[in-house]
């Protein structure tokens, strides 16, 4: 089996408020980058669709799939991109 980790993201407010869990997630991210993985698979239960879908776009947008939080959180954007073409 490949190295795997399950990470619960916690509250979306971590982006704005920080705290020990946010620090732990940041440290995990640094350690994963040090390993220089060739691929990362992220599975989310927050995406409501019928069927199974694979998202392989070059640039990913922030999905705000929550409600009841501060206005600043809905304005937060985190841009991700990759250089490897994984499209099928």
PDB file of N, CA and C in Angstrom:
ATOM      1  N   UNK A   1       0.850  -1.183   0.000  1.00  0.00           N
ATOM      2  CA  UNK A   1       0.000   0.000   0.000  1.00  0.00           C
ATOM      3  C   UNK A   1       0.890   1.239   0.000  1.00  0.00           C
ATOM      4  N   UNK A   2       0.471   2.240  -0.745  1.00  0.00           N
ATOM      5  CA  UNK A   2       1.192   3.516  -0.781  1.00  0.00           C
ATOM      6  C   UNK A   2       1.026   4.256   0.532  1.00  0.00           C
ATOM      7  N   UNK A   3       1.971   5.119   0.874  1.00  0.00           N
ATOM      8  CA  UNK A   3       1.799   5.935   2.085  1.00  0.00           C
ATOM      9  C   UNK A   3       0.497   6.723   1.998  1.00  0.00           C
ATOM     10  N   UNK A   4      -0.281   6.672   3.065  1.00  0.00           N
ATOM     11  CA  UNK A   4      -1.596   7.318   3.071  1.00  0.00           C
ATOM     12  C   UNK A   4      -1.810   8.054   4.375  1.00  0.00           C
ATOM     13  N   UNK A   5      -2.661   9.052   4.331  1.00  0.00           N
ATOM     14  CA  UNK A   5      -3.014   9.786   5.538  1.00  0.00           C
ATOM     15  C   UNK A   5      -4.461  10.263   5.406  1.00  0.00           C
ATOM     16  N   UNK A   6      -5.209  10.139   6.483  1.00  0.00           N
ATOM     17  CA  UNK A   6      -6.558  10.695   6.543  1.00  0.00           C
ATOM     18  C   UNK A   6      -6.471  11.986   7.349  1.00  0.00           C
ATOM     19  N   UNK A   7      -6.978  13.063   6.796  1.00  0.00           N
ATOM     20  CA  UNK A   7      -6.929  14.354   7.478  1.00  0.00           C
ATOM     21  C   UNK A   7      -8.327  14.941   7.522  1.00  0.00           C
ATOM     22  N   UNK A   8      -8.807  15.193   8.705  1.00  0.00           N
ATOM     23  CA  UNK A   8     -10.052  15.927   8.877  1.00  0.00           C
ATOM     24  C   UNK A   8      -9.695  17.402   8.871  1.00  0.00           C
ATOM     25  N   UNK A   9     -10.315  18.161   7.989  1.00  0.00           N
ATOM     26  CA  UNK A   9      -9.928  19.563   7.843  1.00  0.00           C
ATOM     27  C   UNK A   9     -10.388  20.455   8.989  1.00  0.00           C
ATOM     28  N   UNK A  10     -11.360  20.016   9.774  1.00  0.00           N
ATOM     29  CA  UNK A  10     -11.847  20.869  10.856  1.00  0.00           C
ATOM     30  C   UNK A  10     -12.751  21.971  10.329  1.00  0.00           C
ATOM     31  N   UNK A  11     -12.923  22.997  11.105  1.00  0.00           N
ATOM     32  CA  UNK A  11     -13.797  24.109  10.743  1.00  0.00           C
ATOM     33  C   UNK A  11     -13.178  24.969   9.644  1.00  0.00           C
ATOM     34  N   UNK A  12     -13.988  25.457   8.689  1.00  0.00           N
ATOM     35  CA  UNK A  12     -13.451  26.381   7.687  1.00  0.00           C
ATOM     36  C   UNK A  12     -12.850  27.648   8.317  1.00  0.00           C
ATOM     37  N   UNK A  13     -13.298  28.006   9.511  1.00  0.00           N
ATOM     38  CA  UNK A  13     -12.790  29.213  10.184  1.00  0.00           C
ATOM     39  C   UNK A  13     -11.298  29.126  10.494  1.00  0.00           C
ATOM     40  N   UNK A  14     -10.708  27.927  10.422  1.00  0.00           N
ATOM     41  CA  UNK A  14      -9.271  27.786  10.656  1.00  0.00           C
ATOM     42  C   UNK A  14      -8.465  28.687   9.724  1.00  0.00           C
ATOM     43  N   UNK A  15      -8.988  28.918   8.529  1.00  0.00           N
ATOM     44  CA  UNK A  15      -8.302  29.778   7.559  1.00  0.00           C
ATOM     45  C   UNK A  15      -8.095  31.172   8.134  1.00  0.00           C
ATOM     46  N   UNK A  16      -9.075  31.670   8.869  1.00  0.00           N
ATOM     47  CA  UNK A  16      -9.006  33.030   9.403  1.00  0.00           C
ATOM     48  C   UNK A  16      -8.501  33.083  10.844  1.00  0.00           C
ATOM     49  N   UNK A  17      -8.837  32.076  11.645  1.00  0.00           N
ATOM     50  CA  UNK A  17      -8.557  32.128  13.077  1.00  0.00           C
ATOM     51  C   UNK A  17      -7.271  31.422  13.490  1.00  0.00           C
ATOM     52  N   UNK A  18      -6.790  30.502  12.688  1.00  0.00           N
ATOM     53  CA  UNK A  18      -5.571  29.774  13.042  1.00  0.00           C
ATOM     54  C   UNK A  18      -5.788  28.868  14.237  1.00  0.00           C
ATOM     55  N   UNK A  19      -4.769  28.709  15.057  1.00  0.00           N
ATOM     56  CA  UNK A  19      -4.849  27.840  16.228  1.00  0.00           C
ATOM     57  C   UNK A  19      -3.984  26.605  16.066  1.00  0.00           C
ATOM     58  N   UNK A  20      -4.012  25.748  17.081  1.00  0.00           N
ATOM     59  CA  UNK A  20      -3.147  24.561  17.087  1.00  0.00           C
ATOM     60  C   UNK A  20      -3.436  23.599  15.937  1.00  0.00           C
ATOM     61  N   UNK A  21      -4.704  23.392  15.594  1.00  0.00           N
ATOM     62  CA  UNK A  21      -5.030  22.479  14.500  1.00  0.00           C
ATOM     63  C   UNK A  21      -4.552  23.057  13.169  1.00  0.00           C
ATOM     64  N   UNK A  22      -4.708  24.358  12.966  1.00  0.00           N
ATOM     65  CA  UNK A  22      -4.212  24.996  11.746  1.00  0.00           C
ATOM     66  C   UNK A  22      -2.690  24.854  11.663  1.00  0.00           C
ATOM     67  N   UNK A  23      -2.010  25.018  12.785  1.00  0.00           N
ATOM     68  CA  UNK A  23      -0.551  24.858  12.824  1.00  0.00           C
ATOM     69  C   UNK A  23      -0.149  23.423  12.480  1.00  0.00           C
ATOM     70  N   UNK A  24      -0.897  22.453  12.999  1.00  0.00           N
ATOM     71  CA  UNK A  24      -0.609  21.045  12.707  1.00  0.00           C
ATOM     72  C   UNK A  24      -0.802  20.746  11.218  1.00  0.00           C
ATOM     73  N   UNK A  25      -1.844  21.300  10.614  1.00  0.00           N
ATOM     74  CA  UNK A  25      -2.076  21.093   9.187  1.00  0.00           C
ATOM     75  C   UNK A  25      -0.966  21.734   8.357  1.00  0.00           C
ATOM     76  N   UNK A  26      -0.514  22.908   8.776  1.00  0.00           N
ATOM     77  CA  UNK A  26       0.577  23.574   8.073  1.00  0.00           C
ATOM     78  C   UNK A  26       1.861  22.742   8.152  1.00  0.00           C
ATOM     79  N   UNK A  27       2.153  22.200   9.319  1.00  0.00           N
ATOM     80  CA  UNK A  27       3.327  21.352   9.497  1.00  0.00           C
ATOM     81  C   UNK A  27       3.225  20.087   8.634  1.00  0.00           C
ATOM     82  N   UNK A  28       2.044  19.484   8.595  1.00  0.00           N
ATOM     83  CA  UNK A  28       1.836  18.314   7.744  1.00  0.00           C
ATOM     84  C   UNK A  28       2.112  18.662   6.282  1.00  0.00           C
ATOM     85  N   UNK A  29       1.601  19.803   5.838  1.00  0.00           N
ATOM     86  CA  UNK A  29       1.836  20.237   4.460  1.00  0.00           C
ATOM     87  C   UNK A  29       3.315  20.399   4.150  1.00  0.00           C
ATOM     88  N   UNK A  30       4.064  20.985   5.081  1.00  0.00           N
ATOM     89  CA  UNK A  30       5.504  21.149   4.882  1.00  0.00           C
ATOM     90  C   UNK A  30       6.204  19.805   4.778  1.00  0.00           C
ATOM     91  N   UNK A  31       5.823  18.880   5.628  1.00  0.00           N
ATOM     92  CA  UNK A  31       6.453  17.545   5.600  1.00  0.00           C
ATOM     93  C   UNK A  31       6.126  16.797   4.313  1.00  0.00           C
ATOM     94  N   UNK A  32       4.902  16.916   3.847  1.00  0.00           N
ATOM     95  CA  UNK A  32       4.525  16.250   2.590  1.00  0.00           C
ATOM     96  C   UNK A  32       5.317  16.859   1.431  1.00  0.00           C
ATOM     97  N   UNK A  33       5.447  18.190   1.393  1.00  0.00           N
ATOM     98  CA  UNK A  33       6.226  18.826   0.314  1.00  0.00           C
ATOM     99  C   UNK A  33       7.685  18.377   0.337  1.00  0.00           C
ATOM    100  N   UNK A  34       8.243  18.143   1.530  1.00  0.00           N
ATOM    101  CA  UNK A  34       9.622  17.662   1.634  1.00  0.00           C
ATOM    102  C   UNK A  34       9.788  16.286   0.976  1.00  0.00           C
ATOM    103  N   UNK A  35       8.730  15.481   0.999  1.00  0.00           N
ATOM    104  CA  UNK A  35       8.770  14.153   0.382  1.00  0.00           C
ATOM    105  C   UNK A  35       8.682  14.211  -1.139  1.00  0.00           C
ATOM    106  N   UNK A  36       8.255  15.352  -1.662  1.00  0.00           N
ATOM    107  CA  UNK A  36       8.124  15.573  -3.105  1.00  0.00           C
ATOM    108  C   UNK A  36       7.326  14.466  -3.791  1.00  0.00           C
ATOM    109  N   UNK A  37       6.088  14.264  -3.361  1.00  0.00           N
ATOM    110  CA  UNK A  37       5.279  13.210  -3.996  1.00  0.00           C
ATOM    111  C   UNK A  37       4.998  13.545  -5.457  1.00  0.00           C
ATOM    112  N   UNK A  38       4.889  12.526  -6.267  1.00  0.00           N
ATOM    113  CA  UNK A  38       4.590  12.745  -7.681  1.00  0.00           C
ATOM    114  C   UNK A  38       3.092  12.925  -7.913  1.00  0.00           C
ATOM    115  N   UNK A  39       2.292  12.556  -6.928  1.00  0.00           N
ATOM    116  CA  UNK A  39       0.846  12.625  -7.080  1.00  0.00           C
ATOM    117  C   UNK A  39       0.184  12.659  -5.713  1.00  0.00           C
ATOM    118  N   UNK A  40      -0.899  13.393  -5.611  1.00  0.00           N
ATOM    119  CA  UNK A  40      -1.705  13.397  -4.383  1.00  0.00           C
ATOM    120  C   UNK A  40      -3.158  13.196  -4.786  1.00  0.00           C
ATOM    121  N   UNK A  41      -3.819  12.311  -4.115  1.00  0.00           N
ATOM    122  CA  UNK A  41      -5.236  12.062  -4.356  1.00  0.00           C
ATOM    123  C   UNK A  41      -6.006  12.582  -3.152  1.00  0.00           C
ATOM    124  N   UNK A  42      -6.946  13.469  -3.408  1.00  0.00           N
ATOM    125  CA  UNK A  42      -7.771  14.039  -2.349  1.00  0.00           C
ATOM    126  C   UNK A  42      -9.203  13.603  -2.590  1.00  0.00           C
ATOM    127  N   UNK A  43      -9.810  13.017  -1.586  1.00  0.00           N
ATOM    128  CA  UNK A  43     -11.193  12.559  -1.674  1.00  0.00           C
ATOM    129  C   UNK A  43     -12.020  13.399  -0.720  1.00  0.00           C
ATOM    130  N   UNK A  44     -13.127  13.935  -1.221  1.00  0.00           N
ATOM    131  CA  UNK A  44     -13.965  14.803  -0.403  1.00  0.00           C
ATOM    132  C   UNK A  44     -15.406  14.330  -0.411  1.00  0.00           C
ATOM    133  N   UNK A  45     -16.005  14.324   0.748  1.00  0.00           N
ATOM    134  CA  UNK A  45     -17.427  13.990   0.853  1.00  0.00           C
ATOM    135  C   UNK A  45     -18.291  15.234   0.674  1.00  0.00           C
ATOM    136  N   UNK A  46     -17.691  16.366   0.451  1.00  0.00           N
ATOM    137  CA  UNK A  46     -18.434  17.613   0.327  1.00  0.00           C
ATOM    138  C   UNK A  46     -18.944  17.879  -1.084  1.00  0.00           C
ATOM    139  N   UNK A  47     -18.507  17.117  -2.034  1.00  0.00           N
ATOM    140  CA  UNK A  47     -18.886  17.365  -3.418  1.00  0.00           C
ATOM    141  C   UNK A  47     -20.125  16.548  -3.720  1.00  0.00           C
ATOM    142  N   UNK A  48     -21.240  17.200  -3.982  1.00  0.00           N
ATOM    143  CA  UNK A  48     -22.505  16.522  -4.188  1.00  0.00           C
ATOM    144  C   UNK A  48     -22.757  16.312  -5.684  1.00  0.00           C
ATOM    145  N   UNK A  49     -22.587  15.083  -6.137  1.00  0.00           N
ATOM    146  CA  UNK A  49     -22.831  14.743  -7.536  1.00  0.00           C
ATOM    147  C   UNK A  49     -23.402  13.340  -7.595  1.00  0.00           C
ATOM    148  N   UNK A  50     -23.853  12.983  -8.757  1.00  0.00           N
ATOM    149  CA  UNK A  50     -24.244  11.598  -8.984  1.00  0.00           C
ATOM    150  C   UNK A  50     -23.070  10.926  -9.680  1.00  0.00           C
ATOM    151  N   UNK A  51     -22.648   9.789  -9.204  1.00  0.00           N
ATOM    152  CA  UNK A  51     -21.538   9.075  -9.815  1.00  0.00           C
ATOM    153  C   UNK A  51     -20.207   9.474  -9.213  1.00  0.00           C
ATOM    154  N   UNK A  52     -19.151   8.962  -9.801  1.00  0.00           N
ATOM    155  CA  UNK A  52     -17.794   9.254  -9.368  1.00  0.00           C
ATOM    156  C   UNK A  52     -17.114  10.061 -10.451  1.00  0.00           C
ATOM    157  N   UNK A  53     -16.427  11.123 -10.055  1.00  0.00           N
ATOM    158  CA  UNK A  53     -15.794  12.013 -11.027  1.00  0.00           C
ATOM    159  C   UNK A  53     -14.351  12.276 -10.632  1.00  0.00           C
ATOM    160  N   UNK A  54     -13.505  12.461 -11.630  1.00  0.00           N
ATOM    161  CA  UNK A  54     -12.112  12.787 -11.414  1.00  0.00           C
ATOM    162  C   UNK A  54     -11.872  14.187 -11.945  1.00  0.00           C
ATOM    163  N   UNK A  55     -11.355  15.069 -11.111  1.00  0.00           N
ATOM    164  CA  UNK A  55     -11.107  16.463 -11.488  1.00  0.00           C
ATOM    165  C   UNK A  55      -9.625  16.625 -11.736  1.00  0.00           C
ATOM    166  N   UNK A  56      -9.239  16.953 -12.966  1.00  0.00           N
ATOM    167  CA  UNK A  56      -7.818  17.030 -13.335  1.00  0.00           C
ATOM    168  C   UNK A  56      -7.456  18.355 -13.983  1.00  0.00           C
ATOM    169  N   UNK A  57      -8.152  19.416 -13.677  1.00  0.00           N
ATOM    170  CA  UNK A  57      -7.846  20.690 -14.327  1.00  0.00           C
ATOM    171  C   UNK A  57      -6.515  21.244 -13.833  1.00  0.00           C
ATOM    172  N   UNK A  58      -5.919  22.110 -14.625  1.00  0.00           N
ATOM    173  CA  UNK A  58      -4.615  22.688 -14.275  1.00  0.00           C
ATOM    174  C   UNK A  58      -4.726  23.683 -13.129  1.00  0.00           C
ATOM    175  N   UNK A  59      -5.853  24.333 -12.994  1.00  0.00           N
ATOM    176  CA  UNK A  59      -6.047  25.320 -11.938  1.00  0.00           C
ATOM    177  C   UNK A  59      -7.355  25.015 -11.208  1.00  0.00           C
ATOM    178  N   UNK A  60      -7.271  24.938  -9.897  1.00  0.00           N
ATOM    179  CA  UNK A  60      -8.442  24.598  -9.086  1.00  0.00           C
ATOM    180  C   UNK A  60      -8.935  25.837  -8.354  1.00  0.00           C
ATOM    181  N   UNK A  61     -10.231  26.012  -8.307  1.00  0.00           N
ATOM    182  CA  UNK A  61     -10.796  27.160  -7.598  1.00  0.00           C
ATOM    183  C   UNK A  61     -11.268  26.723  -6.217  1.00  0.00           C
ATOM    184  N   UNK A  62     -11.406  27.680  -5.342  1.00  0.00           N
ATOM    185  CA  UNK A  62     -11.891  27.395  -3.997  1.00  0.00           C
ATOM    186  C   UNK A  62     -13.386  27.123  -4.052  1.00  0.00           C
ATOM    187  N   UNK A  63     -13.821  26.041  -3.450  1.00  0.00           N
ATOM    188  CA  UNK A  63     -15.244  25.730  -3.376  1.00  0.00           C
ATOM    189  C   UNK A  63     -15.740  26.106  -1.986  1.00  0.00           C
ATOM    190  N   UNK A  64     -16.701  26.984  -1.932  1.00  0.00           N
ATOM    191  CA  UNK A  64     -17.289  27.393  -0.656  1.00  0.00           C
ATOM    192  C   UNK A  64     -18.577  26.595  -0.463  1.00  0.00           C
ATOM    193  N   UNK A  65     -18.433  25.389   0.058  1.00  0.00           N
ATOM    194  CA  UNK A  65     -19.581  24.486   0.208  1.00  0.00           C
ATOM    195  C   UNK A  65     -20.045  24.427   1.661  1.00  0.00           C
ATOM    196  N   UNK A  66     -20.171  25.593   2.257  1.00  0.00           N
ATOM    197  CA  UNK A  66     -20.588  25.694   3.657  1.00  0.00           C
ATOM    198  C   UNK A  66     -21.397  26.974   3.810  1.00  0.00           C
ATOM    199  N   UNK A  67     -22.015  27.145   4.945  1.00  0.00           N
ATOM    200  CA  UNK A  67     -22.808  28.351   5.182  1.00  0.00           C
ATOM    201  C   UNK A  67     -22.786  28.677   6.673  1.00  0.00           C
ATOM    202  N   UNK A  68     -23.145  29.924   6.984  1.00  0.00           N
ATOM    203  CA  UNK A  68     -23.234  30.340   8.376  1.00  0.00           C
ATOM    204  C   UNK A  68     -21.935  30.867   8.964  1.00  0.00           C
ATOM    205  N   UNK A  69     -20.960  31.183   8.125  1.00  0.00           N
ATOM    206  CA  UNK A  69     -19.680  31.680   8.607  1.00  0.00           C
ATOM    207  C   UNK A  69     -19.520  33.158   8.237  1.00  0.00           C
ATOM    208  N   UNK A  70     -18.404  33.747   8.620  1.00  0.00           N
ATOM    209  CA  UNK A  70     -18.163  35.171   8.387  1.00  0.00           C
ATOM    210  C   UNK A  70     -17.997  35.487   6.897  1.00  0.00           C
ATOM    211  N   UNK A  71     -18.310  36.721   6.537  1.00  0.00           N
ATOM    212  CA  UNK A  71     -18.214  37.181   5.153  1.00  0.00           C
ATOM    213  C   UNK A  71     -16.789  37.006   4.619  1.00  0.00           C
ATOM    214  N   UNK A  72     -15.791  37.268   5.468  1.00  0.00           N
ATOM    215  CA  UNK A  72     -14.390  37.155   5.052  1.00  0.00           C
ATOM    216  C   UNK A  72     -14.053  35.746   4.578  1.00  0.00           C
ATOM    217  N   UNK A  73     -14.679  34.760   5.183  1.00  0.00           N
ATOM    218  CA  UNK A  73     -14.398  33.379   4.792  1.00  0.00           C
ATOM    219  C   UNK A  73     -14.903  33.095   3.376  1.00  0.00           C
ATOM    220  N   UNK A  74     -16.054  33.638   3.027  1.00  0.00           N
ATOM    221  CA  UNK A  74     -16.600  33.413   1.682  1.00  0.00           C
ATOM    222  C   UNK A  74     -15.811  34.163   0.621  1.00  0.00           C
ATOM    223  N   UNK A  75     -15.087  35.185   1.029  1.00  0.00           N
ATOM    224  CA  UNK A  75     -14.253  35.951   0.096  1.00  0.00           C
ATOM    225  C   UNK A  75     -12.865  35.347  -0.059  1.00  0.00           C
ATOM    226  N   UNK A  76     -12.503  34.403   0.819  1.00  0.00           N
ATOM    227  CA  UNK A  76     -11.181  33.789   0.774  1.00  0.00           C
ATOM    228  C   UNK A  76     -11.043  32.907  -0.459  1.00  0.00           C
ATOM    229  N   UNK A  77      -9.957  33.069  -1.183  1.00  0.00           N
ATOM    230  CA  UNK A  77      -9.650  32.222  -2.339  1.00  0.00           C
ATOM    231  C   UNK A  77      -8.262  31.638  -2.155  1.00  0.00           C
ATOM    232  N   UNK A  78      -8.135  30.366  -2.413  1.00  0.00           N
ATOM    233  CA  UNK A  78      -6.848  29.676  -2.325  1.00  0.00           C
ATOM    234  C   UNK A  78      -6.630  29.000  -3.666  1.00  0.00           C
ATOM    235  N   UNK A  79      -5.659  29.483  -4.409  1.00  0.00           N
ATOM    236  CA  UNK A  79      -5.430  28.963  -5.753  1.00  0.00           C
ATOM    237  C   UNK A  79      -4.381  27.859  -5.738  1.00  0.00           C
ATOM    238  N   UNK A  80      -4.707  26.767  -6.368  1.00  0.00           N
ATOM    239  CA  UNK A  80      -3.791  25.635  -6.500  1.00  0.00           C
ATOM    240  C   UNK A  80      -3.554  25.381  -7.968  1.00  0.00           C
ATOM    241  N   UNK A  81      -2.360  24.981  -8.288  1.00  0.00           N
ATOM    242  CA  UNK A  81      -2.089  24.582  -9.653  1.00  0.00           C
ATOM    243  C   UNK A  81      -1.018  23.497  -9.649  1.00  0.00           C
ATOM    244  N   UNK A  82      -0.936  22.810 -10.718  1.00  0.00           N
ATOM    245  CA  UNK A  82       0.099  21.786 -10.868  1.00  0.00           C
ATOM    246  C   UNK A  82       0.627  21.843 -12.283  1.00  0.00           C
ATOM    247  N   UNK A  83       1.768  21.274 -12.502  1.00  0.00           N
ATOM    248  CA  UNK A  83       2.391  21.322 -13.816  1.00  0.00           C
ATOM    249  C   UNK A  83       2.247  20.009 -14.571  1.00  0.00           C
ATOM    250  N   UNK A  84       1.865  18.962 -13.882  1.00  0.00           N
ATOM    251  CA  UNK A  84       1.752  17.650 -14.526  1.00  0.00           C
ATOM    252  C   UNK A  84       0.372  17.486 -15.149  1.00  0.00           C
ATOM    253  N   UNK A  85       0.310  17.059 -16.372  1.00  0.00           N
ATOM    254  CA  UNK A  85      -0.968  16.831 -17.045  1.00  0.00           C
ATOM    255  C   UNK A  85      -1.462  15.428 -16.710  1.00  0.00           C
ATOM    256  N   UNK A  86      -2.559  15.357 -15.964  1.00  0.00           N
ATOM    257  CA  UNK A  86      -3.115  14.057 -15.586  1.00  0.00           C
ATOM    258  C   UNK A  86      -4.442  13.772 -16.282  1.00  0.00           C
ATOM    259  N   UNK A  87      -4.806  14.623 -17.241  1.00  0.00           N
ATOM    260  CA  UNK A  87      -6.095  14.417 -17.901  1.00  0.00           C
ATOM    261  C   UNK A  87      -6.094  13.102 -18.674  1.00  0.00           C
ATOM    262  N   UNK A  88      -7.282  12.553 -18.804  1.00  0.00           N
ATOM    263  CA  UNK A  88      -7.395  11.245 -19.465  1.00  0.00           C
ATOM    264  C   UNK A  88      -7.994  11.402 -20.843  1.00  0.00           C
TER     265      UNK A  88
END
